[in-house]
Amino acid sequence: MKNKFWIIKIIILTSLFLCLNVSCNKAQTETNSSVLAVKSPEIQNNKFGDKAAKLNEYYDKKNCKEFVNAFPNNFEELSNLYGYEAGTEGHILFLKPEHINYFFDCSEVADNEKLSKSIKVGIGGKWDADNIEEFQNSTYAIVKKHSDETKQILDNLPDEKSASFWYFLFDGPHPSDKENIADFELLSKLLGEKSKQAKLLSEQFQKLLKDEREDEDSAVIGNK
C-alpha cells in the first residue's frame, strides 16, 4: 500500500513538472518572438531603429503616454519611419498605420501636447499617400478642434516655419479639390480671417494652387 502511495505521488509530481515546463517554454517562445520582432535586422541596421523599436514596444504594451513621447519630433523622422520609398516595401514602420491613430487617440496626453508635436512634425513636411496622408488628415482635425491654441503656437514661431506648416497641411496631389478648398475656407474662418495665421495660410494655399497649375502645364508640355 505504501509503495502504491509513492507511485501515485511520483506520477502527480511528474505531471505537474511537465505542465510547468511546457508553460514556461511557451512563454519563453512568445517572449523571444517579441524580442526578435523588435530586434529584427531591418530595425537593427536602420538609422531610426532604436526609435522604431521603442514605438513598437510602447504600442504593444499599450503605453500611449510613452508612445507619444517617443513619436517623431520632425518630418524627417516621420517620413523615414512611416513613409514609403519607391522600389521598396516601405520604410521601417510603413506597415504599422495603426500607430498614427494611436498617437492622436491617446487619452493620457493632453491635446495641446499632441497638437504642439504635430505642428513640429508638419514643418518642412511634404504630402505623400498612406501614413503621411493619415497623419496630415489627423493633424488637420486636431488643428480645427483647437484653432486658438494653434494660433498661439504658430505665432511664437518664425513666419517661415508657420508658413511651412500650413503648406504641408494642405499639400496633396490636387489642392484645388473641392473638399480641400472647403477645409481651407473653414479653417480660415476659425483662425479669424484677419489674423496673422489666416493670412499665412491663405498665402500658402495660393502657392499650392499655383504649384498645381505649373505641374499640370508641365505634364501637358511633356505629353506633346
C-alpha atoms as a PDB file:
ATOM      1  CA  MET A   1       0.000   0.000   0.000  1.00  0.00           C
ATOM      2  CA  LYS A   2       2.854   2.317   0.921  1.00  0.00           C
ATOM      3  CA  ASN A   3       4.583   1.633  -2.432  1.00  0.00           C
ATOM      4  CA  LYS A   4       1.332   2.336  -4.285  1.00  0.00           C
ATOM      5  CA  PHE A   5       1.041   5.695  -2.496  1.00  0.00           C
ATOM      6  CA  TRP A   6       4.565   6.737  -3.520  1.00  0.00           C
ATOM      7  CA  ILE A   7       3.976   5.687  -7.128  1.00  0.00           C
ATOM      8  CA  ILE A   8       0.838   7.852  -7.313  1.00  0.00           C
ATOM      9  CA  LYS A   9       2.712  10.769  -5.730  1.00  0.00           C
ATOM     10  CA  ILE A  10       5.573  10.462  -8.222  1.00  0.00           C
ATOM     11  CA  ILE A  11       3.110  10.396 -11.155  1.00  0.00           C
ATOM     12  CA  ILE A  12       1.369  13.568  -9.872  1.00  0.00           C
ATOM     13  CA  LEU A  13       4.641  15.423  -9.336  1.00  0.00           C
ATOM     14  CA  THR A  14       5.907  14.387 -12.777  1.00  0.00           C
ATOM     15  CA  SER A  15       2.698  15.610 -14.401  1.00  0.00           C
ATOM     16  CA  LEU A  16       2.960  18.970 -12.622  1.00  0.00           C
ATOM     17  CA  PHE A  17       6.578  19.353 -13.673  1.00  0.00           C
ATOM     18  CA  LEU A  18       5.746  18.624 -17.309  1.00  0.00           C
ATOM     19  CA  CYS A  19       2.866  21.130 -17.292  1.00  0.00           C
ATOM     20  CA  LEU A  20       5.021  23.846 -15.768  1.00  0.00           C
ATOM     21  CA  ASN A  21       7.825  23.121 -18.188  1.00  0.00           C
ATOM     22  CA  VAL A  22       5.529  23.366 -21.212  1.00  0.00           C
ATOM     23  CA  SER A  23       4.022  26.645 -19.938  1.00  0.00           C
ATOM     24  CA  CYS A  24       7.447  28.152 -19.326  1.00  0.00           C
ATOM     25  CA  ASN A  25       8.693  27.099 -22.736  1.00  0.00           C
ATOM     26  CA  LYS A  26       5.615  28.601 -24.374  1.00  0.00           C
ATOM     27  CA  ALA A  27       6.054  31.888 -22.502  1.00  0.00           C
ATOM     28  CA  GLN A  28       9.745  31.961 -23.359  1.00  0.00           C
ATOM     29  CA  THR A  29       8.956  31.334 -27.020  1.00  0.00           C
ATOM     30  CA  GLU A  30       6.437  34.190 -27.068  1.00  0.00           C
ATOM     31  CA  THR A  31       8.938  36.484 -25.370  1.00  0.00           C
ATOM     32  CA  ASN A  32      11.678  35.521 -27.790  1.00  0.00           C
ATOM     33  CA  SER A  33       9.328  36.138 -30.735  1.00  0.00           C
ATOM     34  CA  SER A  34       8.542  39.591 -29.407  1.00  0.00           C
ATOM     35  CA  VAL A  35      12.218  40.396 -28.929  1.00  0.00           C
ATOM     36  CA  LEU A  36      13.075  39.120 -32.382  1.00  0.00           C
ATOM     37  CA  ALA A  37      10.338  41.258 -33.898  1.00  0.00           C
ATOM     38  CA  VAL A  38      11.727  44.350 -32.199  1.00  0.00           C
ATOM     39  CA  LYS A  39      15.362  43.500 -32.918  1.00  0.00           C
ATOM     40  CA  SER A  40      14.987  42.281 -36.478  1.00  0.00           C
ATOM     41  CA  PRO A  41      17.882  43.046 -38.866  1.00  0.00           C
ATOM     42  CA  GLU A  42      15.732  45.680 -40.601  1.00  0.00           C
ATOM     43  CA  ILE A  43      15.360  47.557 -37.319  1.00  0.00           C
ATOM     44  CA  GLN A  44      18.887  46.966 -36.003  1.00  0.00           C
ATOM     45  CA  ASN A  45      20.553  48.180 -39.201  1.00  0.00           C
ATOM     46  CA  ASN A  46      18.365  51.243 -39.600  1.00  0.00           C
ATOM     47  CA  LYS A  47      19.307  54.770 -38.508  1.00  0.00           C
ATOM     48  CA  PHE A  48      15.899  55.044 -36.861  1.00  0.00           C
ATOM     49  CA  GLY A  49      15.936  51.501 -35.493  1.00  0.00           C
ATOM     50  CA  ASP A  50      16.050  52.424 -31.806  1.00  0.00           C
ATOM     51  CA  LYS A  51      13.079  54.745 -32.129  1.00  0.00           C
ATOM     52  CA  ALA A  52      11.148  52.165 -34.155  1.00  0.00           C
ATOM     53  CA  ALA A  53      11.822  49.522 -31.501  1.00  0.00           C
ATOM     54  CA  LYS A  54      10.592  51.820 -28.723  1.00  0.00           C
ATOM     55  CA  LEU A  55       7.445  52.739 -30.652  1.00  0.00           C
ATOM     56  CA  ASN A  56       6.681  49.064 -31.275  1.00  0.00           C
ATOM     57  CA  GLU A  57       7.306  48.236 -27.617  1.00  0.00           C
ATOM     58  CA  TYR A  58       5.094  51.020 -26.239  1.00  0.00           C
ATOM     59  CA  TYR A  59       2.343  50.243 -28.730  1.00  0.00           C
ATOM     60  CA  ASP A  60       2.384  46.517 -27.866  1.00  0.00           C
ATOM     61  CA  LYS A  61       2.296  47.322 -24.147  1.00  0.00           C
ATOM     62  CA  LYS A  62      -0.490  49.881 -24.722  1.00  0.00           C
ATOM     63  CA  ASN A  63       1.546  52.596 -23.051  1.00  0.00           C
ATOM     64  CA  CYS A  64       0.280  55.517 -25.097  1.00  0.00           C
ATOM     65  CA  LYS A  65       1.891  58.185 -22.907  1.00  0.00           C
ATOM     66  CA  GLU A  66       5.398  56.887 -23.594  1.00  0.00           C
ATOM     67  CA  PHE A  67       4.385  56.208 -27.198  1.00  0.00           C
ATOM     68  CA  VAL A  68       3.514  59.884 -27.703  1.00  0.00           C
ATOM     69  CA  ASN A  69       6.833  60.888 -26.103  1.00  0.00           C
ATOM     70  CA  ALA A  70       8.717  58.575 -28.471  1.00  0.00           C
ATOM     71  CA  PHE A  71       6.729  59.603 -31.559  1.00  0.00           C
ATOM     72  CA  PRO A  72       8.674  61.521 -34.261  1.00  0.00           C
ATOM     73  CA  ASN A  73       9.590  65.108 -33.430  1.00  0.00           C
ATOM     74  CA  ASN A  74      10.107  66.255 -37.011  1.00  0.00           C
ATOM     75  CA  PHE A  75       9.092  65.358 -40.537  1.00  0.00           C
ATOM     76  CA  GLU A  76      12.354  63.590 -41.351  1.00  0.00           C
ATOM     77  CA  GLU A  77      11.701  61.065 -38.588  1.00  0.00           C
ATOM     78  CA  LEU A  78       8.050  60.629 -39.542  1.00  0.00           C
ATOM     79  CA  SER A  79       8.878  60.043 -43.191  1.00  0.00           C
ATOM     80  CA  ASN A  80      11.769  57.678 -42.508  1.00  0.00           C
ATOM     81  CA  LEU A  81       9.730  55.618 -40.095  1.00  0.00           C
ATOM     82  CA  TYR A  82       6.248  55.530 -41.606  1.00  0.00           C
ATOM     83  CA  GLY A  83       6.737  56.746 -45.173  1.00  0.00           C
ATOM     84  CA  TYR A  84       7.102  54.907 -48.458  1.00  0.00           C
ATOM     85  CA  GLU A  85      10.038  54.827 -50.842  1.00  0.00           C
ATOM     86  CA  ALA A  86       9.645  53.733 -54.442  1.00  0.00           C
ATOM     87  CA  GLY A  87      11.187  50.349 -55.172  1.00  0.00           C
ATOM     88  CA  THR A  88      10.876  49.196 -51.564  1.00  0.00           C
ATOM     89  CA  GLU A  89       8.201  47.733 -49.323  1.00  0.00           C
ATOM     90  CA  GLY A  90       8.114  51.000 -47.420  1.00  0.00           C
ATOM     91  CA  HIS A  91      10.149  52.323 -44.538  1.00  0.00           C
ATOM     92  CA  ILE A  92      10.674  50.561 -41.258  1.00  0.00           C
ATOM     93  CA  LEU A  93       7.171  51.150 -39.777  1.00  0.00           C
ATOM     94  CA  PHE A  94       5.281  51.571 -43.035  1.00  0.00           C
ATOM     95  CA  LEU A  95       3.156  48.523 -42.238  1.00  0.00           C
ATOM     96  CA  LYS A  96       2.111  49.997 -38.885  1.00  0.00           C
ATOM     97  CA  PRO A  97      -0.557  52.550 -39.917  1.00  0.00           C
ATOM     98  CA  GLU A  98      -2.348  51.909 -36.619  1.00  0.00           C
ATOM     99  CA  HIS A  99       0.458  53.839 -34.901  1.00  0.00           C
ATOM    100  CA  ILE A 100      -0.771  57.114 -36.395  1.00  0.00           C
ATOM    101  CA  ASN A 101      -4.245  56.826 -34.901  1.00  0.00           C
ATOM    102  CA  TYR A 102      -2.789  55.573 -31.630  1.00  0.00           C
ATOM    103  CA  PHE A 103      -0.784  58.792 -31.303  1.00  0.00           C
ATOM    104  CA  PHE A 104      -3.777  61.072 -31.827  1.00  0.00           C
ATOM    105  CA  ASP A 105      -6.190  58.927 -29.774  1.00  0.00           C
ATOM    106  CA  CYS A 106      -4.019  58.771 -26.646  1.00  0.00           C
ATOM    107  CA  SER A 107      -6.239  59.939 -23.773  1.00  0.00           C
ATOM    108  CA  GLU A 108      -3.334  60.074 -21.309  1.00  0.00           C
ATOM    109  CA  VAL A 109      -1.730  63.025 -23.105  1.00  0.00           C
ATOM    110  CA  ALA A 110      -3.343  66.460 -23.400  1.00  0.00           C
ATOM    111  CA  ASP A 111      -4.458  67.581 -26.853  1.00  0.00           C
ATOM    112  CA  ASN A 112      -2.209  70.637 -26.600  1.00  0.00           C
ATOM    113  CA  GLU A 113       0.856  68.421 -26.293  1.00  0.00           C
ATOM    114  CA  LYS A 114      -0.174  66.312 -29.288  1.00  0.00           C
ATOM    115  CA  LEU A 115      -1.033  69.468 -31.237  1.00  0.00           C
ATOM    116  CA  SER A 116       2.362  71.012 -30.495  1.00  0.00           C
ATOM    117  CA  LYS A 117       4.198  67.883 -31.624  1.00  0.00           C
ATOM    118  CA  SER A 118       2.042  67.580 -34.751  1.00  0.00           C
ATOM    119  CA  ILE A 119       2.922  71.131 -35.749  1.00  0.00           C
ATOM    120  CA  LYS A 120       6.637  70.448 -35.249  1.00  0.00           C
ATOM    121  CA  VAL A 121       6.385  67.353 -37.443  1.00  0.00           C
ATOM    122  CA  GLY A 122       4.474  69.235 -40.142  1.00  0.00           C
ATOM    123  CA  ILE A 123       7.101  71.958 -40.540  1.00  0.00           C
ATOM    124  CA  GLY A 124       9.084  71.159 -43.672  1.00  0.00           C
ATOM    125  CA  GLY A 125       6.684  68.354 -44.485  1.00  0.00           C
ATOM    126  CA  LYS A 126       5.523  67.143 -47.865  1.00  0.00           C
ATOM    127  CA  TRP A 127       2.385  65.206 -48.704  1.00  0.00           C
ATOM    128  CA  ASP A 128       2.607  61.516 -49.519  1.00  0.00           C
ATOM    129  CA  ALA A 129      -0.009  58.787 -49.647  1.00  0.00           C
ATOM    130  CA  ASP A 130      -0.820  56.250 -46.917  1.00  0.00           C
ATOM    131  CA  ASN A 131       0.618  57.009 -43.467  1.00  0.00           C
ATOM    132  CA  ILE A 132       1.795  60.552 -44.245  1.00  0.00           C
ATOM    133  CA  GLU A 133      -1.633  61.453 -45.570  1.00  0.00           C
ATOM    134  CA  GLU A 134      -3.244  59.886 -42.495  1.00  0.00           C
ATOM    135  CA  PHE A 135      -1.004  61.990 -40.260  1.00  0.00           C
ATOM    136  CA  GLN A 136      -1.877  65.082 -42.300  1.00  0.00           C
ATOM    137  CA  ASN A 137      -5.624  64.411 -42.009  1.00  0.00           C
ATOM    138  CA  SER A 138      -5.417  63.769 -38.278  1.00  0.00           C
ATOM    139  CA  THR A 139      -3.364  66.927 -37.794  1.00  0.00           C
ATOM    140  CA  TYR A 140      -5.995  68.937 -39.652  1.00  0.00           C
ATOM    141  CA  ALA A 141      -8.658  67.509 -37.328  1.00  0.00           C
ATOM    142  CA  ILE A 142      -6.796  68.496 -34.154  1.00  0.00           C
ATOM    143  CA  VAL A 143      -5.944  71.935 -35.577  1.00  0.00           C
ATOM    144  CA  LYS A 144      -9.599  72.522 -36.455  1.00  0.00           C
ATOM    145  CA  LYS A 145     -10.633  71.452 -32.943  1.00  0.00           C
ATOM    146  CA  HIS A 146      -8.050  73.713 -31.285  1.00  0.00           C
ATOM    147  CA  SER A 147      -7.696  76.632 -33.682  1.00  0.00           C
ATOM    148  CA  ASP A 148      -6.982  79.210 -30.955  1.00  0.00           C
ATOM    149  CA  GLU A 149      -4.228  77.064 -29.447  1.00  0.00           C
ATOM    150  CA  THR A 150      -2.834  76.521 -32.949  1.00  0.00           C
ATOM    151  CA  LYS A 151      -2.587  80.279 -33.472  1.00  0.00           C
ATOM    152  CA  GLN A 152      -0.767  80.698 -30.165  1.00  0.00           C
ATOM    153  CA  ILE A 153       1.777  78.031 -31.010  1.00  0.00           C
ATOM    154  CA  LEU A 154       2.401  79.301 -34.541  1.00  0.00           C
ATOM    155  CA  ASP A 155       2.503  82.976 -33.536  1.00  0.00           C
ATOM    156  CA  ASN A 156       5.527  82.114 -31.383  1.00  0.00           C
ATOM    157  CA  LEU A 157       7.375  80.624 -34.360  1.00  0.00           C
ATOM    158  CA  PRO A 158       9.154  82.436 -37.195  1.00  0.00           C
ATOM    159  CA  ASP A 159       6.783  83.177 -40.086  1.00  0.00           C
ATOM    160  CA  GLU A 160       8.661  80.882 -42.452  1.00  0.00           C
ATOM    161  CA  LYS A 161       8.115  77.911 -40.131  1.00  0.00           C
ATOM    162  CA  SER A 162       4.434  78.698 -39.682  1.00  0.00           C
ATOM    163  CA  ALA A 163       4.063  79.064 -43.448  1.00  0.00           C
ATOM    164  CA  SER A 164       5.822  75.736 -43.981  1.00  0.00           C
ATOM    165  CA  PHE A 165       3.367  74.041 -41.642  1.00  0.00           C
ATOM    166  CA  TRP A 166       0.350  75.477 -43.478  1.00  0.00           C
ATOM    167  CA  TYR A 167       1.804  74.386 -46.801  1.00  0.00           C
ATOM    168  CA  PHE A 168       2.148  70.813 -45.548  1.00  0.00           C
ATOM    169  CA  LEU A 169      -1.311  70.757 -44.002  1.00  0.00           C
ATOM    170  CA  PHE A 170      -2.966  71.394 -47.385  1.00  0.00           C
ATOM    171  CA  ASP A 171      -0.393  69.791 -49.648  1.00  0.00           C
ATOM    172  CA  GLY A 172      -1.531  66.981 -51.911  1.00  0.00           C
ATOM    173  CA  PRO A 173      -1.890  65.857 -55.496  1.00  0.00           C
ATOM    174  CA  HIS A 174      -4.943  68.112 -56.035  1.00  0.00           C
ATOM    175  CA  PRO A 175      -5.034  71.193 -53.776  1.00  0.00           C
ATOM    176  CA  SER A 176      -7.886  72.587 -55.914  1.00  0.00           C
ATOM    177  CA  ASP A 177     -10.109  69.657 -54.930  1.00  0.00           C
ATOM    178  CA  LYS A 178     -13.495  70.934 -53.691  1.00  0.00           C
ATOM    179  CA  GLU A 179     -13.128  69.222 -50.336  1.00  0.00           C
ATOM    180  CA  ASN A 180      -9.675  70.713 -49.845  1.00  0.00           C
ATOM    181  CA  ILE A 181     -10.963  74.187 -50.648  1.00  0.00           C
ATOM    182  CA  ALA A 182     -13.860  73.731 -48.216  1.00  0.00           C
ATOM    183  CA  ASP A 183     -11.407  72.687 -45.474  1.00  0.00           C
ATOM    184  CA  PHE A 184      -9.259  75.734 -46.217  1.00  0.00           C
ATOM    185  CA  GLU A 185     -12.217  78.132 -46.039  1.00  0.00           C
ATOM    186  CA  LEU A 186     -13.470  76.612 -42.782  1.00  0.00           C
ATOM    187  CA  LEU A 187     -10.090  76.801 -41.100  1.00  0.00           C
ATOM    188  CA  SER A 188      -9.582  80.393 -42.288  1.00  0.00           C
ATOM    189  CA  LYS A 189     -12.806  81.370 -40.522  1.00  0.00           C
ATOM    190  CA  LEU A 190     -11.856  79.506 -37.364  1.00  0.00           C
ATOM    191  CA  LEU A 191      -8.476  81.249 -37.271  1.00  0.00           C
ATOM    192  CA  GLY A 192     -10.102  84.625 -37.837  1.00  0.00           C
ATOM    193  CA  GLU A 193      -9.793  85.846 -41.418  1.00  0.00           C
ATOM    194  CA  LYS A 194      -7.826  88.943 -40.367  1.00  0.00           C
ATOM    195  CA  SER A 195      -5.424  87.048 -38.126  1.00  0.00           C
ATOM    196  CA  LYS A 196      -1.762  86.607 -38.915  1.00  0.00           C
ATOM    197  CA  GLN A 197      -2.088  82.838 -39.255  1.00  0.00           C
ATOM    198  CA  ALA A 198      -5.108  83.080 -41.555  1.00  0.00           C
ATOM    199  CA  LYS A 199      -3.052  85.359 -43.798  1.00  0.00           C
ATOM    200  CA  LEU A 200      -0.102  82.976 -43.843  1.00  0.00           C
ATOM    201  CA  LEU A 201      -2.452  80.077 -44.533  1.00  0.00           C
ATOM    202  CA  SER A 202      -4.037  81.937 -47.452  1.00  0.00           C
ATOM    203  CA  GLU A 203      -0.638  82.749 -48.954  1.00  0.00           C
ATOM    204  CA  GLN A 204       0.472  79.129 -48.757  1.00  0.00           C
ATOM    205  CA  PHE A 205      -2.799  77.845 -50.167  1.00  0.00           C
ATOM    206  CA  GLN A 206      -2.453  80.152 -53.152  1.00  0.00           C
ATOM    207  CA  LYS A 207       1.103  78.886 -53.575  1.00  0.00           C
ATOM    208  CA  LEU A 208      -0.189  75.305 -53.601  1.00  0.00           C
ATOM    209  CA  LEU A 209      -2.736  76.165 -56.283  1.00  0.00           C
ATOM    210  CA  LYS A 210      -0.008  77.830 -58.348  1.00  0.00           C
ATOM    211  CA  ASP A 211       2.299  74.818 -57.970  1.00  0.00           C
ATOM    212  CA  GLU A 212      -0.546  72.550 -59.049  1.00  0.00           C
ATOM    213  CA  ARG A 213      -1.184  74.605 -62.220  1.00  0.00           C
ATOM    214  CA  GLU A 214       2.511  74.607 -63.075  1.00  0.00           C
ATOM    215  CA  ASP A 215       2.692  70.830 -62.639  1.00  0.00           C
ATOM    216  CA  GLU A 216      -0.314  70.386 -64.917  1.00  0.00           C
ATOM    217  CA  ASP A 217       1.215  72.680 -67.550  1.00  0.00           C
ATOM    218  CA  SER A 218       4.488  70.765 -67.395  1.00  0.00           C
ATOM    219  CA  ALA A 219       2.632  67.495 -67.832  1.00  0.00           C
ATOM    220  CA  VAL A 220       0.805  68.828 -70.913  1.00  0.00           C
ATOM    221  CA  ILE A 221       4.049  70.055 -72.471  1.00  0.00           C
ATOM    222  CA  GLY A 222       5.735  66.753 -71.698  1.00  0.00           C
ATOM    223  CA  ASN A 223       2.991  64.823 -73.483  1.00  0.00           C
ATOM    224  CA  LYS A 224       3.314  66.842 -76.694  1.00  0.00           C
END
